[in-house]
Amino acid sequence: RLLNASGLQIHDVILDGLIDTSTGRAAKAAVKIGDSNPVWGGVTPLGDTYRIVINNVISRAQHTVLIGGSLAESSISNVIKYEATGEPITYSSGPQFVRNLMIENIKTMSIAPAHP
């Protein structure tokens, strides 16, 4: 979870390689960026969270990548969502809080059961 509030910035972060191996109940999000909750200061101004690189994420979470705040000049690539409904990338704060986001190779797939 990348959470900034009260004028703090988050920038120059690389997350490369996250595999969700959970069993039972699925998590809400594998990766969460920001938060729109007023308790945390609401959505940060566009430009406060920037140059974030998210690569190689595999998850069955409800939201594989959840953008709950603002995000600019960043990249999300090689994301696989499996065994869960919905889109791999969720913009809960709204697309107006996203600028210059490069998105590549995003997939939703079902995992076939193992053959005995």
Protein backbone atom coordinates (compact mmCIF):
# COMPACT_ATOMS: atom_id res chain seq x y z
CA ARG A 1 0.00 0.00 0.00
CA LEU A 2 1.38 3.35 -1.05
CA LEU A 3 -0.39 5.93 1.10
CA ASN A 4 0.49 9.59 1.23
CA ALA A 5 -1.52 12.36 2.87
CA SER A 6 -1.27 15.87 4.27
CA GLY A 7 0.96 17.22 1.50
CA LEU A 8 3.46 14.35 1.53
CA GLN A 9 4.63 12.99 -1.82
CA ILE A 10 5.49 9.48 -2.93
CA HIS A 11 7.73 9.16 -5.97
CA ASP A 12 10.41 7.02 -7.60
CA VAL A 13 9.07 3.66 -6.38
CA ILE A 14 9.51 0.34 -8.20
CA LEU A 15 7.40 -2.67 -7.23
CA ASP A 16 8.57 -5.56 -9.40
CA GLY A 17 7.16 -8.96 -8.52
CA LEU A 18 4.19 -9.65 -6.30
CA ILE A 19 2.49 -13.05 -6.30
CA ASP A 20 -0.69 -13.55 -4.28
CA THR A 21 -0.55 -17.05 -2.80
CA SER A 22 -3.47 -16.56 -0.44
CA THR A 23 -6.09 -19.22 0.18
CA GLY A 24 -9.59 -18.72 1.49
CA ARG A 25 -11.07 -15.24 1.30
CA ALA A 26 -9.58 -12.99 -1.37
CA ALA A 27 -7.99 -9.69 -0.32
CA LYS A 28 -9.52 -6.35 -1.30
CA ALA A 29 -6.43 -5.24 -3.24
CA ALA A 30 -3.01 -6.65 -4.05
CA VAL A 31 -1.59 -3.15 -4.64
CA LYS A 32 -3.32 0.01 -3.40
CA ILE A 33 -2.16 3.48 -4.34
CA GLY A 34 -3.53 6.35 -2.27
CA ASP A 35 -6.89 6.65 -0.58
CA SER A 36 -9.94 8.87 -1.02
CA ASN A 37 -10.97 8.53 2.64
CA PRO A 38 -11.16 11.96 4.32
CA VAL A 39 -9.56 10.44 7.45
CA TRP A 40 -6.31 10.22 5.43
CA GLY A 41 -6.83 13.67 3.89
CA GLY A 42 -8.82 12.51 0.86
CA VAL A 43 -7.39 12.22 -2.63
CA THR A 44 -3.96 13.82 -2.84
CA PRO A 45 -3.47 16.53 -5.48
CA LEU A 46 -2.56 15.22 -8.91
CA GLY A 47 1.23 15.17 -9.06
CA ASP A 48 1.84 14.21 -5.42
CA THR A 49 2.19 10.51 -6.34
CA TYR A 50 4.40 10.09 -9.41
CA ARG A 51 7.04 7.97 -11.13
CA ILE A 52 5.62 4.75 -9.68
CA VAL A 53 6.47 1.57 -11.62
CA ILE A 54 4.36 -1.52 -10.91
CA ASN A 55 5.40 -4.64 -12.80
CA ASN A 56 4.74 -8.40 -12.59
CA VAL A 57 1.73 -8.70 -10.29
CA ILE A 58 -0.37 -11.89 -10.07
CA SER A 59 -3.37 -11.87 -7.76
CA ARG A 60 -6.88 -13.09 -7.10
CA ALA A 61 -7.74 -10.01 -5.03
CA GLN A 62 -10.96 -8.14 -5.72
CA HIS A 63 -8.85 -5.28 -7.14
CA THR A 64 -5.45 -6.34 -8.42
CA VAL A 65 -4.27 -2.72 -8.61
CA LEU A 66 -6.53 -0.21 -6.82
CA ILE A 67 -5.88 3.46 -7.52
CA GLY A 68 -7.62 5.13 -4.61
CA GLY A 69 -5.81 8.46 -4.85
CA SER A 70 -3.92 10.33 -7.55
CA LEU A 71 -1.23 8.90 -9.83
CA ALA A 72 0.91 10.64 -12.46
CA GLU A 73 3.80 9.85 -14.81
CA SER A 74 3.75 6.15 -13.90
CA SER A 75 3.63 2.66 -15.38
CA ILE A 76 1.61 -0.49 -14.65
CA SER A 77 2.55 -3.60 -16.63
CA ASN A 78 2.37 -7.38 -16.62
CA VAL A 79 -0.63 -7.75 -14.32
CA ILE A 80 -2.63 -10.99 -14.13
CA LYS A 81 -5.91 -11.18 -12.23
CA TYR A 82 -7.28 -14.67 -11.72
CA GLU A 83 -10.28 -16.31 -10.06
CA ALA A 84 -11.94 -12.96 -9.31
CA THR A 85 -14.53 -10.81 -11.03
CA GLY A 86 -13.94 -7.22 -12.06
CA GLU A 87 -11.19 -5.36 -13.82
CA PRO A 88 -7.49 -5.82 -13.01
CA ILE A 89 -7.06 -2.05 -12.53
CA THR A 90 -9.67 -0.08 -10.56
CA TYR A 91 -9.83 3.73 -10.52
CA SER A 92 -11.86 4.24 -7.32
CA SER A 93 -10.94 7.93 -7.04
CA GLY A 94 -11.88 8.53 -10.69
CA PRO A 95 -9.91 8.91 -13.93
CA GLN A 96 -9.58 12.67 -13.38
CA PHE A 97 -6.94 11.90 -10.74
CA VAL A 98 -4.71 9.96 -13.18
CA ARG A 99 -2.27 11.55 -15.66
CA ASN A 100 0.26 10.01 -18.07
CA LEU A 101 -0.22 6.43 -16.91
CA MET A 102 1.29 3.81 -19.22
CA ILE A 103 -0.57 0.49 -19.01
CA GLU A 104 0.68 -2.65 -20.77
CA ASN A 105 -0.06 -6.37 -20.75
CA ILE A 106 -3.01 -6.52 -18.34
CA LYS A 107 -4.91 -9.84 -18.27
CA THR A 108 -7.82 -11.51 -16.52
CA MET A 109 -7.81 -15.30 -16.64
CA SER A 110 -9.22 -18.40 -15.10
CA ILE A 111 -6.91 -20.98 -13.63
CA ALA A 112 -7.70 -24.49 -14.77
CA PRO A 113 -7.89 -27.08 -11.98
CA ALA A 114 -4.89 -29.38 -11.69
CA HIS A 115 -5.34 -32.80 -13.26
CA PRO A 116 -4.76 -35.73 -10.90
